[in-house]
C-alpha atoms as a PDB file:
ATOM      1  CA  MET A   1      86.171 104.532 101.482  1.00  0.00           C
ATOM      2  CA  LYS A   2      87.032 100.878 101.225  1.00  0.00           C
ATOM      3  CA  HIS A   3      87.213  98.084 103.788  1.00  0.00           C
ATOM      4  CA  VAL A   4      90.636  96.506 103.360  1.00  0.00           C
ATOM      5  CA  VAL A   5      92.249  93.411 104.914  1.00  0.00           C
ATOM      6  CA  ILE A   6      96.013  93.024 104.555  1.00  0.00           C
ATOM      7  CA  THR A   7      98.254  90.204 105.800  1.00  0.00           C
ATOM      8  CA  GLY A   8     101.962  90.345 106.523  1.00  0.00           C
ATOM      9  CA  THR A   9     101.903  93.899 107.854  1.00  0.00           C
ATOM     10  CA  SER A  10     104.702  93.931 110.388  1.00  0.00           C
ATOM     11  CA  ARG A  11     107.279  95.114 107.914  1.00  0.00           C
ATOM     12  CA  GLY A  12     108.153  95.733 104.320  1.00  0.00           C
ATOM     13  CA  MET A  13     105.463  96.172 101.736  1.00  0.00           C
ATOM     14  CA  GLY A  14     102.591  95.272 103.999  1.00  0.00           C
ATOM     15  CA  PHE A  15     103.595  97.780 106.581  1.00  0.00           C
ATOM     16  CA  GLU A  16     103.824 100.497 103.870  1.00  0.00           C
ATOM     17  CA  MET A  17     100.446  99.486 102.419  1.00  0.00           C
ATOM     18  CA  VAL A  18      98.695  99.956 105.710  1.00  0.00           C
ATOM     19  CA  LYS A  19     100.087 103.471 106.101  1.00  0.00           C
ATOM     20  CA  LEU A  20      99.036 104.324 102.560  1.00  0.00           C
ATOM     21  CA  PHE A  21      95.427 103.056 102.915  1.00  0.00           C
ATOM     22  CA  SER A  22      95.151 104.864 106.220  1.00  0.00           C
ATOM     23  CA  GLU A  23      96.401 108.124 104.806  1.00  0.00           C
ATOM     24  CA  ALA A  24      93.834 107.878 102.016  1.00  0.00           C
ATOM     25  CA  GLY A  25      90.984 107.462 104.556  1.00  0.00           C
ATOM     26  CA  HIS A  26      90.263 103.725 104.055  1.00  0.00           C
ATOM     27  CA  ASP A  27      89.410 101.332 106.889  1.00  0.00           C
ATOM     28  CA  VAL A  28      92.066  98.605 107.398  1.00  0.00           C
ATOM     29  CA  ILE A  29      92.358  95.457 109.224  1.00  0.00           C
ATOM     30  CA  ALA A  30      96.119  94.646 109.459  1.00  0.00           C
ATOM     31  CA  LEU A  31      97.147  91.059 110.180  1.00  0.00           C
ATOM     32  CA  SER A  32     100.612  89.816 111.269  1.00  0.00           C
ATOM     33  CA  ARG A  33     102.211  87.562 113.765  1.00  0.00           C
ATOM     34  CA  LYS A  34     104.102  90.514 115.153  1.00  0.00           C
ATOM     35  CA  PRO A  35     101.712  93.451 115.353  1.00  0.00           C
ATOM     36  CA  GLU A  36     103.698  95.693 117.720  1.00  0.00           C
ATOM     37  CA  SER A  37     105.357  97.865 115.090  1.00  0.00           C
ATOM     38  CA  LEU A  38     102.024  98.961 113.503  1.00  0.00           C
ATOM     39  CA  GLN A  39     100.226  99.171 116.914  1.00  0.00           C
ATOM     40  CA  ALA A  40     102.813 101.755 117.939  1.00  0.00           C
ATOM     41  CA  LEU A  41     101.884 104.098 115.147  1.00  0.00           C
ATOM     42  CA  GLY A  42      98.231 104.433 116.210  1.00  0.00           C
ATOM     43  CA  LEU A  43      97.125 104.969 112.664  1.00  0.00           C
ATOM     44  CA  LYS A  44      93.621 106.355 111.872  1.00  0.00           C
ATOM     45  CA  ASN A  45      91.103 103.797 110.787  1.00  0.00           C
ATOM     46  CA  VAL A  46      93.416 100.919 111.355  1.00  0.00           C
ATOM     47  CA  GLN A  47      92.683  97.816 113.423  1.00  0.00           C
ATOM     48  CA  VAL A  48      95.756  95.722 114.120  1.00  0.00           C
ATOM     49  CA  PHE A  49      95.450  92.071 114.955  1.00  0.00           C
ATOM     50  CA  ALA A  50      98.004  89.457 115.929  1.00  0.00           C
ATOM     51  CA  CYS A  51      97.191  86.560 113.519  1.00  0.00           C
ATOM     52  CA  ASP A  52      99.050  83.493 112.289  1.00  0.00           C
ATOM     53  CA  ILE A  53      97.297  82.689 109.036  1.00  0.00           C
ATOM     54  CA  THR A  54      98.435  79.101 109.294  1.00  0.00           C
ATOM     55  CA  LYS A  55      96.107  78.588 112.286  1.00  0.00           C
ATOM     56  CA  GLU A  56      92.494  77.989 111.430  1.00  0.00           C
ATOM     57  CA  GLU A  57      91.124  79.126 114.784  1.00  0.00           C
ATOM     58  CA  GLU A  58      92.842  82.518 114.394  1.00  0.00           C
ATOM     59  CA  LEU A  59      91.423  83.000 110.999  1.00  0.00           C
ATOM     60  CA  GLN A  60      87.992  82.186 112.457  1.00  0.00           C
ATOM     61  CA  LYS A  61      88.397  85.024 114.943  1.00  0.00           C
ATOM     62  CA  ILE A  62      89.064  87.442 112.089  1.00  0.00           C
ATOM     63  CA  GLY A  63      85.953  86.216 110.261  1.00  0.00           C
ATOM     64  CA  ASP A  64      83.858  86.626 113.433  1.00  0.00           C
ATOM     65  CA  HIS A  65      85.126  90.125 114.004  1.00  0.00           C
ATOM     66  CA  ILE A  66      84.243  91.192 110.393  1.00  0.00           C
ATOM     67  CA  GLU A  67      80.845  89.617 110.736  1.00  0.00           C
ATOM     68  CA  GLY A  68      80.188  91.624 113.831  1.00  0.00           C
ATOM     69  CA  THR A  69      81.586  94.937 112.411  1.00  0.00           C
ATOM     70  CA  TRP A  70      82.151  95.631 108.808  1.00  0.00           C
ATOM     71  CA  LYS A  71      80.039  92.862 107.326  1.00  0.00           C
ATOM     72  CA  LYS A  72      81.830  93.448 104.030  1.00  0.00           C
ATOM     73  CA  VAL A  73      85.345  93.359 102.608  1.00  0.00           C
ATOM     74  CA  ASP A  74      86.126  95.368  99.538  1.00  0.00           C
ATOM     75  CA  ILE A  75      89.899  94.520  99.209  1.00  0.00           C
ATOM     76  CA  LEU A  76      91.924  91.538 100.461  1.00  0.00           C
ATOM     77  CA  ILE A  77      95.704  91.594  99.965  1.00  0.00           C
ATOM     78  CA  ASN A  78      97.384  88.300 100.798  1.00  0.00           C
ATOM     79  CA  ASN A  79     100.857  89.688 101.306  1.00  0.00           C
ATOM     80  CA  ALA A  80     102.150  87.444 104.067  1.00  0.00           C
ATOM     81  CA  GLY A  81     104.846  85.063 102.944  1.00  0.00           C
ATOM     82  CA  ALA A  82     107.547  82.753 104.183  1.00  0.00           C
ATOM     83  CA  ILE A  83     110.877  81.879 102.600  1.00  0.00           C
ATOM     84  CA  LEU A  84     113.439  79.139 103.012  1.00  0.00           C
ATOM     85  CA  ASN A  85     116.908  79.478 101.412  1.00  0.00           C
ATOM     86  CA  LYS A  86     118.250  75.935 101.676  1.00  0.00           C
ATOM     87  CA  SER A  87     119.112  73.188  99.116  1.00  0.00           C
ATOM     88  CA  PHE A  88     116.445  70.726  98.389  1.00  0.00           C
ATOM     89  CA  ALA A  89     118.522  67.840  99.832  1.00  0.00           C
ATOM     90  CA  GLU A  90     119.176  69.710 103.061  1.00  0.00           C
ATOM     91  CA  ALA A  91     115.638  71.020 103.636  1.00  0.00           C
ATOM     92  CA  THR A  92     113.540  68.873 105.809  1.00  0.00           C
ATOM     93  CA  LEU A  93     110.014  67.874 104.842  1.00  0.00           C
ATOM     94  CA  SER A  94     108.695  69.767 107.785  1.00  0.00           C
ATOM     95  CA  GLU A  95     110.482  73.049 106.600  1.00  0.00           C
ATOM     96  CA  PHE A  96     108.979  72.461 103.128  1.00  0.00           C
ATOM     97  CA  LYS A  97     105.513  72.044 104.586  1.00  0.00           C
ATOM     98  CA  ALA A  98     105.917  75.253 106.681  1.00  0.00           C
ATOM     99  CA  ILE A  99     106.546  77.310 103.525  1.00  0.00           C
ATOM    100  CA  TYR A 100     103.441  75.867 101.878  1.00  0.00           C
ATOM    101  CA  ASN A 101     101.406  76.459 105.055  1.00  0.00           C
ATOM    102  CA  THR A 102     102.016  80.109 104.921  1.00  0.00           C
ATOM    103  CA  ASN A 103     102.348  80.758 101.196  1.00  0.00           C
ATOM    104  CA  VAL A 104      99.471  78.486  99.957  1.00  0.00           C
ATOM    105  CA  PHE A 105      97.207  76.964 102.676  1.00  0.00           C
ATOM    106  CA  GLY A 106      97.148  80.128 104.902  1.00  0.00           C
ATOM    107  CA  VAL A 107      96.017  82.177 101.984  1.00  0.00           C
ATOM    108  CA  ALA A 108      93.304  79.644 100.996  1.00  0.00           C
ATOM    109  CA  GLY A 109      92.153  79.573 104.658  1.00  0.00           C
ATOM    110  CA  LEU A 110      91.838  83.345 104.916  1.00  0.00           C
ATOM    111  CA  ILE A 111      89.976  83.546 101.519  1.00  0.00           C
ATOM    112  CA  LYS A 112      87.530  80.839 102.761  1.00  0.00           C
ATOM    113  CA  GLN A 113      86.869  82.767 105.999  1.00  0.00           C
ATOM    114  CA  LEU A 114      86.240  86.080 104.089  1.00  0.00           C
ATOM    115  CA  LEU A 115      84.241  84.697 101.178  1.00  0.00           C
ATOM    116  CA  PRO A 116      80.838  85.564 102.842  1.00  0.00           C
ATOM    117  CA  PHE A 117      81.917  89.127 102.934  1.00  0.00           C
ATOM    118  CA  LEU A 118      83.218  89.483  99.424  1.00  0.00           C
ATOM    119  CA  ASP A 119      80.883  90.485  96.575  1.00  0.00           C
ATOM    120  CA  SER A 120      81.123  91.091  92.848  1.00  0.00           C
ATOM    121  CA  ASN A 121      82.839  94.432  93.459  1.00  0.00           C
ATOM    122  CA  SER A 122      85.480  93.017  95.839  1.00  0.00           C
ATOM    123  CA  HIS A 123      89.108  92.437  94.800  1.00  0.00           C
ATOM    124  CA  VAL A 124      91.472  89.767  96.054  1.00  0.00           C
ATOM    125  CA  ILE A 125      95.189  90.264  95.308  1.00  0.00           C
ATOM    126  CA  ASN A 126      97.555  87.398  95.990  1.00  0.00           C
ATOM    127  CA  ILE A 127     101.207  88.404  96.182  1.00  0.00           C
ATOM    128  CA  SER A 128     103.315  85.892  94.375  1.00  0.00           C
ATOM    129  CA  SER A 129     106.952  86.007  93.036  1.00  0.00           C
ATOM    130  CA  MET A 130     108.693  85.904  89.691  1.00  0.00           C
ATOM    131  CA  GLY A 131     110.234  82.742  91.013  1.00  0.00           C
ATOM    132  CA  GLY A 132     106.873  81.092  90.789  1.00  0.00           C
ATOM    133  CA  VAL A 133     106.316  81.930  87.135  1.00  0.00           C
ATOM    134  CA  GLN A 134     106.765  79.071  84.784  1.00  0.00           C
ATOM    135  CA  GLY A 135     109.739  79.630  82.500  1.00  0.00           C
ATOM    136  CA  SER A 136     111.213  82.392  84.659  1.00  0.00           C
ATOM    137  CA  MET A 137     114.778  82.268  85.991  1.00  0.00           C
ATOM    138  CA  LYS A 138     115.097  79.993  89.047  1.00  0.00           C
ATOM    139  CA  PHE A 139     117.716  80.142  91.796  1.00  0.00           C
ATOM    140  CA  PRO A 140     119.158  77.230  93.793  1.00  0.00           C
ATOM    141  CA  GLY A 141     117.962  76.944  97.424  1.00  0.00           C
ATOM    142  CA  LEU A 142     114.511  78.394  96.783  1.00  0.00           C
ATOM    143  CA  SER A 143     112.678  75.117  95.735  1.00  0.00           C
ATOM    144  CA  ALA A 144     110.036  75.423  98.575  1.00  0.00           C
ATOM    145  CA  TYR A 145     109.473  79.091  98.176  1.00  0.00           C
ATOM    146  CA  SER A 146     109.296  79.220  94.421  1.00  0.00           C
ATOM    147  CA  SER A 147     107.133  76.161  93.981  1.00  0.00           C
ATOM    148  CA  SER A 148     104.709  77.441  96.650  1.00  0.00           C
ATOM    149  CA  LYS A 149     104.411  80.749  94.809  1.00  0.00           C
ATOM    150  CA  GLY A 150     103.740  78.804  91.631  1.00  0.00           C
ATOM    151  CA  ALA A 151     100.890  76.978  93.392  1.00  0.00           C
ATOM    152  CA  LEU A 152      99.588  80.426  94.534  1.00  0.00           C
ATOM    153  CA  ILE A 153      99.325  81.568  90.922  1.00  0.00           C
ATOM    154  CA  THR A 154      97.340  78.552  89.810  1.00  0.00           C
ATOM    155  CA  LEU A 155      95.096  78.856  93.002  1.00  0.00           C
ATOM    156  CA  THR A 156      94.301  82.429  91.974  1.00  0.00           C
ATOM    157  CA  GLU A 157      93.397  81.445  88.471  1.00  0.00           C
ATOM    158  CA  MET A 158      91.137  78.632  89.668  1.00  0.00           C
ATOM    159  CA  LEU A 159      89.306  80.928  92.134  1.00  0.00           C
ATOM    160  CA  ALA A 160      88.676  83.542  89.459  1.00  0.00           C
ATOM    161  CA  GLU A 161      87.079  80.889  87.361  1.00  0.00           C
ATOM    162  CA  GLU A 162      84.962  79.528  90.153  1.00  0.00           C
ATOM    163  CA  TYR A 163      83.560  82.896  91.212  1.00  0.00           C
ATOM    164  CA  LYS A 164      83.524  84.718  87.884  1.00  0.00           C
ATOM    165  CA  GLU A 165      79.689  84.871  87.747  1.00  0.00           C
ATOM    166  CA  ASN A 166      78.972  86.797  90.943  1.00  0.00           C
ATOM    167  CA  GLY A 167      82.029  86.649  93.146  1.00  0.00           C
ATOM    168  CA  PRO A 168      85.065  88.842  93.690  1.00  0.00           C
ATOM    169  CA  SER A 169      87.764  89.393  91.224  1.00  0.00           C
ATOM    170  CA  PHE A 170      91.026  87.403  91.958  1.00  0.00           C
ATOM    171  CA  ASN A 171      94.363  88.562  90.527  1.00  0.00           C
ATOM    172  CA  VAL A 172      97.942  87.653  91.398  1.00  0.00           C
ATOM    173  CA  LEU A 173     101.084  89.860  91.159  1.00  0.00           C
ATOM    174  CA  ALA A 174     104.380  88.099  90.590  1.00  0.00           C
ATOM    175  CA  LEU A 175     106.914  90.515  92.042  1.00  0.00           C
ATOM    176  CA  GLY A 176     110.515  90.834  91.066  1.00  0.00           C
ATOM    177  CA  ALA A 177     113.209  92.136  93.447  1.00  0.00           C
ATOM    178  CA  VAL A 178     111.877  94.509  96.114  1.00  0.00           C
ATOM    179  CA  GLN A 179     114.155  95.784  98.822  1.00  0.00           C
ATOM    180  CA  THR A 180     112.654  93.986 101.853  1.00  0.00           C
ATOM    181  CA  GLU A 181     114.022  91.783 104.697  1.00  0.00           C
ATOM    182  CA  MET A 182     112.772  88.773 102.829  1.00  0.00           C
ATOM    183  CA  LEU A 183     114.899  89.632  99.793  1.00  0.00           C
ATOM    184  CA  ALA A 184     117.920  90.041 102.022  1.00  0.00           C
ATOM    185  CA  GLU A 185     117.360  86.491 103.351  1.00  0.00           C
ATOM    186  CA  ALA A 186     117.206  84.960  99.778  1.00  0.00           C
ATOM    187  CA  PHE A 187     119.969  87.156  98.204  1.00  0.00           C
ATOM    188  CA  PRO A 188     122.302  88.533 100.892  1.00  0.00           C
ATOM    189  CA  GLY A 189     123.871  91.744  99.752  1.00  0.00           C
ATOM    190  CA  TYR A 190     121.718  92.265  96.686  1.00  0.00           C
ATOM    191  CA  GLN A 191     120.384  95.744  96.201  1.00  0.00           C
ATOM    192  CA  ALA A 192     117.011  95.870  94.625  1.00  0.00           C
ATOM    193  CA  PRO A 193     115.949  98.525  92.163  1.00  0.00           C
ATOM    194  CA  VAL A 194     112.543  98.979  93.865  1.00  0.00           C
ATOM    195  CA  SER A 195     111.881 100.007  97.451  1.00  0.00           C
ATOM    196  CA  ALA A 196     109.107  98.508  99.659  1.00  0.00           C
ATOM    197  CA  LEU A 197     107.243 101.874  99.580  1.00  0.00           C
ATOM    198  CA  GLU A 198     107.359 102.115  95.809  1.00  0.00           C
ATOM    199  CA  MET A 199     105.966  98.593  95.352  1.00  0.00           C
ATOM    200  CA  ALA A 200     103.434  99.196  98.039  1.00  0.00           C
ATOM    201  CA  LYS A 201     102.145 102.267  96.118  1.00  0.00           C
ATOM    202  CA  TYR A 202     101.726 100.126  92.963  1.00  0.00           C
ATOM    203  CA  ILE A 203      99.820  97.323  94.868  1.00  0.00           C
ATOM    204  CA  VAL A 204      97.545  99.884  96.582  1.00  0.00           C
ATOM    205  CA  ASP A 205      96.675 101.470  93.264  1.00  0.00           C
ATOM    206  CA  PHE A 206      96.164  98.077  91.612  1.00  0.00           C
ATOM    207  CA  SER A 207      93.898  96.890  94.478  1.00  0.00           C
ATOM    208  CA  LEU A 208      91.652  99.843  94.073  1.00  0.00           C
ATOM    209  CA  ASN A 209      91.394  99.795  90.268  1.00  0.00           C
ATOM    210  CA  GLY A 210      92.878  96.609  88.753  1.00  0.00           C
ATOM    211  CA  HIS A 211      89.651  94.523  89.009  1.00  0.00           C
ATOM    212  CA  LYS A 212      88.064  96.894  86.513  1.00  0.00           C
ATOM    213  CA  TYR A 213      90.398  95.515  83.867  1.00  0.00           C
ATOM    214  CA  TYR A 214      91.635  92.175  85.105  1.00  0.00           C
ATOM    215  CA  ASN A 215      90.307  88.867  86.692  1.00  0.00           C
ATOM    216  CA  GLY A 216      92.199  85.696  87.021  1.00  0.00           C
ATOM    217  CA  LYS A 217      95.284  87.315  85.668  1.00  0.00           C
ATOM    218  CA  LEU A 218      99.022  86.942  86.488  1.00  0.00           C
ATOM    219  CA  LEU A 219     100.716  90.294  86.162  1.00  0.00           C
ATOM    220  CA  GLN A 220     104.543  90.123  86.257  1.00  0.00           C
ATOM    221  CA  VAL A 221     105.759  93.214  88.149  1.00  0.00           C
ATOM    222  CA  SER A 222     109.494  93.150  87.632  1.00  0.00           C
ATOM    223  CA  ASN A 223     112.287  95.121  85.991  1.00  0.00           C
ATOM    224  CA  SER A 224     115.116  92.939  87.236  1.00  0.00           C
ATOM    225  CA  THR A 225     116.397  89.496  87.806  1.00  0.00           C
ATOM    226  CA  PRO A 226     115.879  88.346  90.554  1.00  0.00           C
END
């Protein structure tokens, strides 16, 4: 049985991952700004918290809760993400910063809060995008999103290097098109070849086993463009 923390669990892949971990008997803390959909399911071994990862005080509450209960985190999946589909010229600086606050700074903030509970057997998985991979195909309107996902890739590599002696493993998955609400925002009308549940199954399996083979690695999980 693992102790698992997942962000971005109100819908899509995060929602499906929580159900998969619960079915397998693992303990889960599910974080999202809109927890109602998961709370309504009453899943076994699942604690659902309303949490905006861009707010330091809310992350502190999660850290305090874990310190008072689990005292250990085996798996952290940073799945929460924000997207902006707007040309660079039209996007305001505030909108640009908001994307980075969720996709980069919020991730860094949660990792910092949970570091005391992560050990050499723990696994941190950051969910990035093919749009953030250097040399991959890029799309107009996604400058904030794709550049933030590129920053997340480098952050993962740096953390793996910093904690390689006795800390957790850090890996990043750059996902291609998955049929989620976020994809629909970026590419209206596009039908992805992979469902949210299918990708959730892959991520769950990787979180449980990937750190045995990888650390500080970017894995491109895509069979399509986008």
